[in-house]
Amino acid sequence: MASGARLLEQTDPATTALLTVECQRGVVGPDSALPELADAARTSGALGRVARLVAAAHDAGVQVLHAVAERRPDGRGANRNARLFAAAERLPVQQLTGTTAVRIADPVPVSEADLIVRRLHGLSPLAGTDVDPLLRNLGCRTLVIAGVSANVAIPNAVFDAVNLGYTAVVPADAIAGVPADYTAAMVRHTLALVATVTTTGDLLSCWRRPRRAGTAAG
């Protein structure tokens, strides 16, 4: 885990953004297309911690982005080059543009200042989306990544953020995957090699801590 001073410096609200990944009703909501993943996100407390992080980010002035995966009703432009995409096409709940499935799930709050970035293709919340140019225009250098899943989208987001030059920060208790014990293994053996691993509580402490004027870290 990152030291308090290091984490405080990295997560200065002026240069940090929080990215929630696929925290949408059709993924982690009560009518999820992926009930096992939704259950893991809720019973582990990860989804509740995402909500706490978003609320704290709003209060601290940290930019929040919500990455949503969706597809057109006609499937135009969607990937078909992996088993995952074929399986998704057969799910009883489809992440269709304009439906309730692609709305941000409770209890995650959404403010008018939040940016919602939608993708119609691929596996990554960053590659091929507007996230990178939006972050650069906002002057962000650190990206806090939370949500689902630890199996695919979260590691994709972390790798892409690092490749693009951002410092990636992962609150390990605010991500979820299946099976449940896979998340801890992913964090320990993969994400910890390239990202700053922390907890929701430590991030909340950083964003609530007063900073001295004229300094980034306080």
C-alpha atoms as a PDB file:
ATOM      1  CA  MET A   1       0.000   0.000   0.000  1.00  0.00           C
ATOM      2  CA  ALA A   2       1.135   3.552  -0.695  1.00  0.00           C
ATOM      3  CA  SER A   3       2.415   5.695   2.166  1.00  0.00           C
ATOM      4  CA  GLY A   4       0.186   8.524   3.336  1.00  0.00           C
ATOM      5  CA  ALA A   5       2.527  11.259   2.101  1.00  0.00           C
ATOM      6  CA  ARG A   6       2.991   9.644  -1.297  1.00  0.00           C
ATOM      7  CA  LEU A   7      -0.719   9.091  -1.787  1.00  0.00           C
ATOM      8  CA  LEU A   8      -1.526  12.623  -0.682  1.00  0.00           C
ATOM      9  CA  GLU A   9       0.877  13.999  -3.275  1.00  0.00           C
ATOM     10  CA  GLN A  10      -0.404  11.772  -6.046  1.00  0.00           C
ATOM     11  CA  THR A  11      -4.085  12.494  -5.459  1.00  0.00           C
ATOM     12  CA  ASP A  12      -4.081  16.287  -5.331  1.00  0.00           C
ATOM     13  CA  PRO A  13      -7.663  17.213  -6.367  1.00  0.00           C
ATOM     14  CA  ALA A  14      -6.352  19.784  -8.845  1.00  0.00           C
ATOM     15  CA  THR A  15      -4.625  17.112 -10.944  1.00  0.00           C
ATOM     16  CA  THR A  16      -6.607  13.960 -10.149  1.00  0.00           C
ATOM     17  CA  ALA A  17      -9.680  12.381 -11.702  1.00  0.00           C
ATOM     18  CA  LEU A  18     -11.808   9.478 -10.501  1.00  0.00           C
ATOM     19  CA  LEU A  19     -12.964   6.990 -13.135  1.00  0.00           C
ATOM     20  CA  THR A  20     -15.815   4.625 -12.301  1.00  0.00           C
ATOM     21  CA  VAL A  21     -15.839   1.627 -14.615  1.00  0.00           C
ATOM     22  CA  GLU A  22     -19.084  -0.011 -15.754  1.00  0.00           C
ATOM     23  CA  CYS A  23     -20.956   0.897 -12.571  1.00  0.00           C
ATOM     24  CA  GLN A  24     -24.160   0.736 -14.586  1.00  0.00           C
ATOM     25  CA  ARG A  25     -27.501  -0.870 -13.823  1.00  0.00           C
ATOM     26  CA  GLY A  26     -27.172  -3.598 -16.410  1.00  0.00           C
ATOM     27  CA  VAL A  27     -23.857  -4.713 -14.913  1.00  0.00           C
ATOM     28  CA  VAL A  28     -24.012  -4.139 -11.140  1.00  0.00           C
ATOM     29  CA  GLY A  29     -27.696  -3.317 -10.621  1.00  0.00           C
ATOM     30  CA  PRO A  30     -30.421  -5.637  -9.282  1.00  0.00           C
ATOM     31  CA  ASP A  31     -31.422  -6.653 -12.832  1.00  0.00           C
ATOM     32  CA  SER A  32     -27.850  -7.224 -13.998  1.00  0.00           C
ATOM     33  CA  ALA A  33     -26.997  -9.263 -17.057  1.00  0.00           C
ATOM     34  CA  LEU A  34     -24.144 -10.614 -14.917  1.00  0.00           C
ATOM     35  CA  PRO A  35     -25.714 -11.549 -11.569  1.00  0.00           C
ATOM     36  CA  GLU A  36     -22.566 -13.197 -10.201  1.00  0.00           C
ATOM     37  CA  LEU A  37     -20.530 -10.044 -10.832  1.00  0.00           C
ATOM     38  CA  ALA A  38     -23.299  -7.813  -9.480  1.00  0.00           C
ATOM     39  CA  ASP A  39     -23.477  -9.927  -6.344  1.00  0.00           C
ATOM     40  CA  ALA A  40     -19.704  -9.746  -5.881  1.00  0.00           C
ATOM     41  CA  ALA A  41     -19.728  -5.959  -6.283  1.00  0.00           C
ATOM     42  CA  ARG A  42     -22.502  -5.539  -3.726  1.00  0.00           C
ATOM     43  CA  THR A  43     -21.722  -8.197  -1.110  1.00  0.00           C
ATOM     44  CA  SER A  44     -18.037  -7.257  -1.018  1.00  0.00           C
ATOM     45  CA  GLY A  45     -19.001  -3.644  -0.387  1.00  0.00           C
ATOM     46  CA  ALA A  46     -17.093  -2.524  -3.478  1.00  0.00           C
ATOM     47  CA  LEU A  47     -20.056  -0.743  -5.069  1.00  0.00           C
ATOM     48  CA  GLY A  48     -20.839   1.082  -1.830  1.00  0.00           C
ATOM     49  CA  ARG A  49     -17.213   2.180  -1.614  1.00  0.00           C
ATOM     50  CA  VAL A  50     -17.332   3.459  -5.187  1.00  0.00           C
ATOM     51  CA  ALA A  51     -20.322   5.562  -4.142  1.00  0.00           C
ATOM     52  CA  ARG A  52     -18.381   6.932  -1.150  1.00  0.00           C
ATOM     53  CA  LEU A  53     -15.407   7.774  -3.355  1.00  0.00           C
ATOM     54  CA  VAL A  54     -17.614   9.601  -5.860  1.00  0.00           C
ATOM     55  CA  ALA A  55     -19.300  11.614  -3.109  1.00  0.00           C
ATOM     56  CA  ALA A  56     -15.936  12.524  -1.588  1.00  0.00           C
ATOM     57  CA  ALA A  57     -14.565  13.460  -5.017  1.00  0.00           C
ATOM     58  CA  HIS A  58     -17.516  15.794  -5.539  1.00  0.00           C
ATOM     59  CA  ASP A  59     -16.843  17.460  -2.186  1.00  0.00           C
ATOM     60  CA  ALA A  60     -13.089  17.760  -2.797  1.00  0.00           C
ATOM     61  CA  GLY A  61     -13.331  19.081  -6.348  1.00  0.00           C
ATOM     62  CA  VAL A  62     -11.921  15.930  -7.955  1.00  0.00           C
ATOM     63  CA  GLN A  63     -13.233  15.449 -11.491  1.00  0.00           C
ATOM     64  CA  VAL A  64     -15.404  12.339 -11.827  1.00  0.00           C
ATOM     65  CA  LEU A  65     -15.815  10.371 -15.045  1.00  0.00           C
ATOM     66  CA  HIS A  66     -18.171   7.418 -15.457  1.00  0.00           C
ATOM     67  CA  ALA A  67     -17.154   4.879 -18.104  1.00  0.00           C
ATOM     68  CA  VAL A  68     -20.192   3.088 -19.530  1.00  0.00           C
ATOM     69  CA  ALA A  69     -20.145   0.113 -21.892  1.00  0.00           C
ATOM     70  CA  GLU A  70     -23.077  -0.048 -24.289  1.00  0.00           C
ATOM     71  CA  ARG A  71     -24.086  -1.134 -27.775  1.00  0.00           C
ATOM     72  CA  ARG A  72     -26.488   0.017 -30.432  1.00  0.00           C
ATOM     73  CA  PRO A  73     -29.685  -2.029 -30.844  1.00  0.00           C
ATOM     74  CA  ASP A  74     -28.445  -3.075 -34.303  1.00  0.00           C
ATOM     75  CA  GLY A  75     -24.993  -3.933 -32.944  1.00  0.00           C
ATOM     76  CA  ARG A  76     -23.301  -1.754 -35.545  1.00  0.00           C
ATOM     77  CA  GLY A  77     -19.642  -1.190 -34.760  1.00  0.00           C
ATOM     78  CA  ALA A  78     -19.538  -3.674 -31.878  1.00  0.00           C
ATOM     79  CA  ASN A  79     -16.725  -6.209 -31.556  1.00  0.00           C
ATOM     80  CA  ARG A  80     -17.264  -9.848 -32.487  1.00  0.00           C
ATOM     81  CA  ASN A  81     -13.668 -11.036 -32.305  1.00  0.00           C
ATOM     82  CA  ALA A  82     -13.641 -12.701 -28.865  1.00  0.00           C
ATOM     83  CA  ARG A  83     -15.721 -15.219 -26.952  1.00  0.00           C
ATOM     84  CA  LEU A  84     -16.679 -12.532 -24.436  1.00  0.00           C
ATOM     85  CA  PHE A  85     -18.521 -10.503 -27.070  1.00  0.00           C
ATOM     86  CA  ALA A  86     -20.399 -13.521 -28.391  1.00  0.00           C
ATOM     87  CA  ALA A  87     -21.477 -14.424 -24.858  1.00  0.00           C
ATOM     88  CA  ALA A  88     -22.618 -10.845 -24.226  1.00  0.00           C
ATOM     89  CA  GLU A  89     -24.906 -10.974 -27.255  1.00  0.00           C
ATOM     90  CA  ARG A  90     -26.764 -13.918 -25.691  1.00  0.00           C
ATOM     91  CA  LEU A  91     -27.322 -12.349 -22.267  1.00  0.00           C
ATOM     92  CA  PRO A  92     -30.944 -11.686 -21.211  1.00  0.00           C
ATOM     93  CA  VAL A  93     -30.133  -8.061 -20.361  1.00  0.00           C
ATOM     94  CA  GLN A  94     -28.473  -6.048 -23.118  1.00  0.00           C
ATOM     95  CA  GLN A  95     -26.491  -2.868 -22.506  1.00  0.00           C
ATOM     96  CA  LEU A  96     -28.378  -0.950 -25.183  1.00  0.00           C
ATOM     97  CA  THR A  97     -27.955   2.761 -25.756  1.00  0.00           C
ATOM     98  CA  GLY A  98     -30.760   4.773 -24.156  1.00  0.00           C
ATOM     99  CA  THR A  99     -32.036   1.992 -21.870  1.00  0.00           C
ATOM    100  CA  THR A 100     -32.002   1.844 -18.095  1.00  0.00           C
ATOM    101  CA  ALA A 101     -29.244  -0.793 -18.292  1.00  0.00           C
ATOM    102  CA  VAL A 102     -26.675   1.882 -19.160  1.00  0.00           C
ATOM    103  CA  ARG A 103     -27.653   4.325 -16.419  1.00  0.00           C
ATOM    104  CA  ILE A 104     -25.329   4.675 -13.439  1.00  0.00           C
ATOM    105  CA  ALA A 105     -26.404   2.246 -10.729  1.00  0.00           C
ATOM    106  CA  ASP A 106     -27.483   3.166  -7.224  1.00  0.00           C
ATOM    107  CA  PRO A 107     -26.029   4.126  -4.828  1.00  0.00           C
ATOM    108  CA  VAL A 108     -23.385   5.869  -6.981  1.00  0.00           C
ATOM    109  CA  PRO A 109     -24.186   9.603  -7.105  1.00  0.00           C
ATOM    110  CA  VAL A 110     -23.904  11.577 -10.336  1.00  0.00           C
ATOM    111  CA  SER A 111     -23.481  15.352 -10.401  1.00  0.00           C
ATOM    112  CA  GLU A 112     -23.877  17.812 -13.262  1.00  0.00           C
ATOM    113  CA  ALA A 113     -20.098  18.256 -13.346  1.00  0.00           C
ATOM    114  CA  ASP A 114     -19.469  14.554 -13.919  1.00  0.00           C
ATOM    115  CA  LEU A 115     -18.479  13.376 -17.376  1.00  0.00           C
ATOM    116  CA  ILE A 116     -20.092  10.199 -18.724  1.00  0.00           C
ATOM    117  CA  VAL A 117     -17.998   8.507 -21.387  1.00  0.00           C
ATOM    118  CA  ARG A 118     -19.741   5.807 -23.402  1.00  0.00           C
ATOM    119  CA  ARG A 119     -18.089   3.213 -25.614  1.00  0.00           C
ATOM    120  CA  LEU A 120     -19.647   1.054 -28.308  1.00  0.00           C
ATOM    121  CA  HIS A 121     -16.700  -1.259 -28.839  1.00  0.00           C
ATOM    122  CA  GLY A 122     -13.714  -2.910 -27.249  1.00  0.00           C
ATOM    123  CA  LEU A 123     -12.758  -3.834 -23.710  1.00  0.00           C
ATOM    124  CA  SER A 124     -11.108  -0.704 -22.377  1.00  0.00           C
ATOM    125  CA  PRO A 125     -12.672   2.405 -20.831  1.00  0.00           C
ATOM    126  CA  LEU A 126      -9.728   4.426 -22.243  1.00  0.00           C
ATOM    127  CA  ALA A 127      -8.596   3.039 -25.593  1.00  0.00           C
ATOM    128  CA  GLY A 128     -10.728   4.431 -28.399  1.00  0.00           C
ATOM    129  CA  THR A 129     -12.771   6.675 -26.073  1.00  0.00           C
ATOM    130  CA  ASP A 130     -12.717  10.347 -25.103  1.00  0.00           C
ATOM    131  CA  VAL A 131     -11.242   9.724 -21.632  1.00  0.00           C
ATOM    132  CA  ASP A 132      -7.619  10.554 -22.473  1.00  0.00           C
ATOM    133  CA  PRO A 133      -8.234  13.892 -24.262  1.00  0.00           C
ATOM    134  CA  LEU A 134     -10.729  14.907 -21.581  1.00  0.00           C
ATOM    135  CA  LEU A 135      -8.176  14.206 -18.834  1.00  0.00           C
ATOM    136  CA  ARG A 136      -5.453  16.121 -20.668  1.00  0.00           C
ATOM    137  CA  ASN A 137      -7.734  19.098 -21.219  1.00  0.00           C
ATOM    138  CA  LEU A 138      -8.538  19.046 -17.490  1.00  0.00           C
ATOM    139  CA  GLY A 139      -4.841  18.965 -16.550  1.00  0.00           C
ATOM    140  CA  CYS A 140      -5.115  15.581 -14.832  1.00  0.00           C
ATOM    141  CA  ARG A 141      -2.002  13.559 -14.090  1.00  0.00           C
ATOM    142  CA  THR A 142      -3.442  10.898 -11.764  1.00  0.00           C
ATOM    143  CA  LEU A 143      -6.351   8.589 -12.503  1.00  0.00           C
ATOM    144  CA  VAL A 144      -8.102   6.765  -9.660  1.00  0.00           C
ATOM    145  CA  ILE A 145      -9.821   3.690 -11.094  1.00  0.00           C
ATOM    146  CA  ALA A 146     -12.708   1.878  -9.380  1.00  0.00           C
ATOM    147  CA  GLY A 147     -15.595  -0.386 -10.350  1.00  0.00           C
ATOM    148  CA  VAL A 148     -15.782  -3.635 -12.351  1.00  0.00           C
ATOM    149  CA  SER A 149     -14.535  -5.959 -13.390  1.00  0.00           C
ATOM    150  CA  ALA A 150     -11.187  -7.009 -11.996  1.00  0.00           C
ATOM    151  CA  ASN A 151     -11.221  -9.681 -14.704  1.00  0.00           C
ATOM    152  CA  VAL A 152     -11.175  -7.424 -17.773  1.00  0.00           C
ATOM    153  CA  ALA A 153     -12.092  -3.731 -17.730  1.00  0.00           C
ATOM    154  CA  ILE A 154     -10.194  -2.666 -14.605  1.00  0.00           C
ATOM    155  CA  PRO A 155      -6.804  -4.074 -15.684  1.00  0.00           C
ATOM    156  CA  ASN A 156      -7.429  -2.704 -19.182  1.00  0.00           C
ATOM    157  CA  ALA A 157      -8.013   0.752 -17.720  1.00  0.00           C
ATOM    158  CA  VAL A 158      -4.934   0.567 -15.497  1.00  0.00           C
ATOM    159  CA  PHE A 159      -2.625  -0.591 -18.284  1.00  0.00           C
ATOM    160  CA  ASP A 160      -3.927   2.028 -20.705  1.00  0.00           C
ATOM    161  CA  ALA A 161      -3.615   4.805 -18.114  1.00  0.00           C
ATOM    162  CA  VAL A 162      -0.002   3.855 -17.396  1.00  0.00           C
ATOM    163  CA  ASN A 163       0.831   3.558 -21.102  1.00  0.00           C
ATOM    164  CA  LEU A 164      -0.586   7.045 -21.643  1.00  0.00           C
ATOM    165  CA  GLY A 165       1.619   8.501 -18.902  1.00  0.00           C
ATOM    166  CA  TYR A 166      -0.860   8.827 -16.034  1.00  0.00           C
ATOM    167  CA  THR A 167      -0.257   7.659 -12.492  1.00  0.00           C
ATOM    168  CA  ALA A 168      -2.860   4.973 -11.885  1.00  0.00           C
ATOM    169  CA  VAL A 169      -4.282   4.599  -8.375  1.00  0.00           C
ATOM    170  CA  VAL A 170      -6.420   1.583  -7.489  1.00  0.00           C
ATOM    171  CA  PRO A 171      -8.477   1.426  -4.271  1.00  0.00           C
ATOM    172  CA  ALA A 172      -8.362  -2.355  -3.953  1.00  0.00           C
ATOM    173  CA  ASP A 173     -11.539  -2.543  -1.888  1.00  0.00           C
ATOM    174  CA  ALA A 174     -13.527  -0.584  -4.500  1.00  0.00           C
ATOM    175  CA  ILE A 175     -13.120  -3.028  -7.385  1.00  0.00           C
ATOM    176  CA  ALA A 176     -14.755  -6.424  -7.867  1.00  0.00           C
ATOM    177  CA  GLY A 177     -14.497  -9.467 -10.106  1.00  0.00           C
ATOM    178  CA  VAL A 178     -15.465 -13.130 -10.288  1.00  0.00           C
ATOM    179  CA  PRO A 179     -14.766 -15.378  -8.587  1.00  0.00           C
ATOM    180  CA  ALA A 180     -14.490 -13.126  -5.556  1.00  0.00           C
ATOM    181  CA  ASP A 181     -10.993 -14.255  -4.586  1.00  0.00           C
ATOM    182  CA  TYR A 182      -9.697 -13.468  -8.061  1.00  0.00           C
ATOM    183  CA  THR A 183      -9.771  -9.740  -7.329  1.00  0.00           C
ATOM    184  CA  ALA A 184      -7.189  -9.957  -4.561  1.00  0.00           C
ATOM    185  CA  ALA A 185      -4.929 -12.094  -6.757  1.00  0.00           C
ATOM    186  CA  MET A 186      -5.218  -9.640  -9.663  1.00  0.00           C
ATOM    187  CA  VAL A 187      -4.321  -6.731  -7.381  1.00  0.00           C
ATOM    188  CA  ARG A 188      -1.417  -8.494  -5.702  1.00  0.00           C
ATOM    189  CA  HIS A 189       0.188 -10.123  -8.713  1.00  0.00           C
ATOM    190  CA  THR A 190      -0.588  -7.678 -11.526  1.00  0.00           C
ATOM    191  CA  LEU A 191      -2.018  -4.272 -10.662  1.00  0.00           C
ATOM    192  CA  ALA A 192       0.403  -3.635  -7.803  1.00  0.00           C
ATOM    193  CA  LEU A 193       3.258  -3.842 -10.303  1.00  0.00           C
ATOM    194  CA  VAL A 194       2.045  -0.848 -12.297  1.00  0.00           C
ATOM    195  CA  ALA A 195      -0.360   1.132 -10.094  1.00  0.00           C
ATOM    196  CA  THR A 196      -0.456   2.667  -6.638  1.00  0.00           C
ATOM    197  CA  VAL A 197      -2.649   0.326  -4.603  1.00  0.00           C
ATOM    198  CA  THR A 198      -4.560   1.874  -1.738  1.00  0.00           C
ATOM    199  CA  THR A 199      -7.884   1.663   0.113  1.00  0.00           C
ATOM    200  CA  THR A 200     -11.070   3.687  -0.005  1.00  0.00           C
ATOM    201  CA  GLY A 201     -10.450   4.901   3.529  1.00  0.00           C
ATOM    202  CA  ASP A 202      -7.000   6.232   2.708  1.00  0.00           C
ATOM    203  CA  LEU A 203      -8.278   8.046  -0.357  1.00  0.00           C
ATOM    204  CA  LEU A 204     -11.123   9.592   1.613  1.00  0.00           C
ATOM    205  CA  SER A 205      -8.601  10.805   4.189  1.00  0.00           C
ATOM    206  CA  CYS A 206      -6.492  12.417   1.471  1.00  0.00           C
ATOM    207  CA  TRP A 207      -9.415  14.231  -0.094  1.00  0.00           C
ATOM    208  CA  ARG A 208     -10.697  15.463   3.260  1.00  0.00           C
ATOM    209  CA  ARG A 209      -7.298  16.680   4.462  1.00  0.00           C
ATOM    210  CA  PRO A 210      -6.675  20.434   4.213  1.00  0.00           C
ATOM    211  CA  ARG A 211      -3.790  21.394   1.932  1.00  0.00           C
ATOM    212  CA  ARG A 212      -1.494  24.347   2.375  1.00  0.00           C
ATOM    213  CA  ALA A 213      -2.062  27.090  -0.179  1.00  0.00           C
ATOM    214  CA  GLY A 214       0.469  27.090  -2.976  1.00  0.00           C
ATOM    215  CA  THR A 215       1.439  23.427  -2.611  1.00  0.00           C
ATOM    216  CA  ALA A 216       0.254  20.344  -4.414  1.00  0.00           C
ATOM    217  CA  ALA A 217       0.706  17.882  -1.618  1.00  0.00           C
ATOM    218  CA  GLY A 218       0.209  19.929   1.516  1.00  0.00           C
END
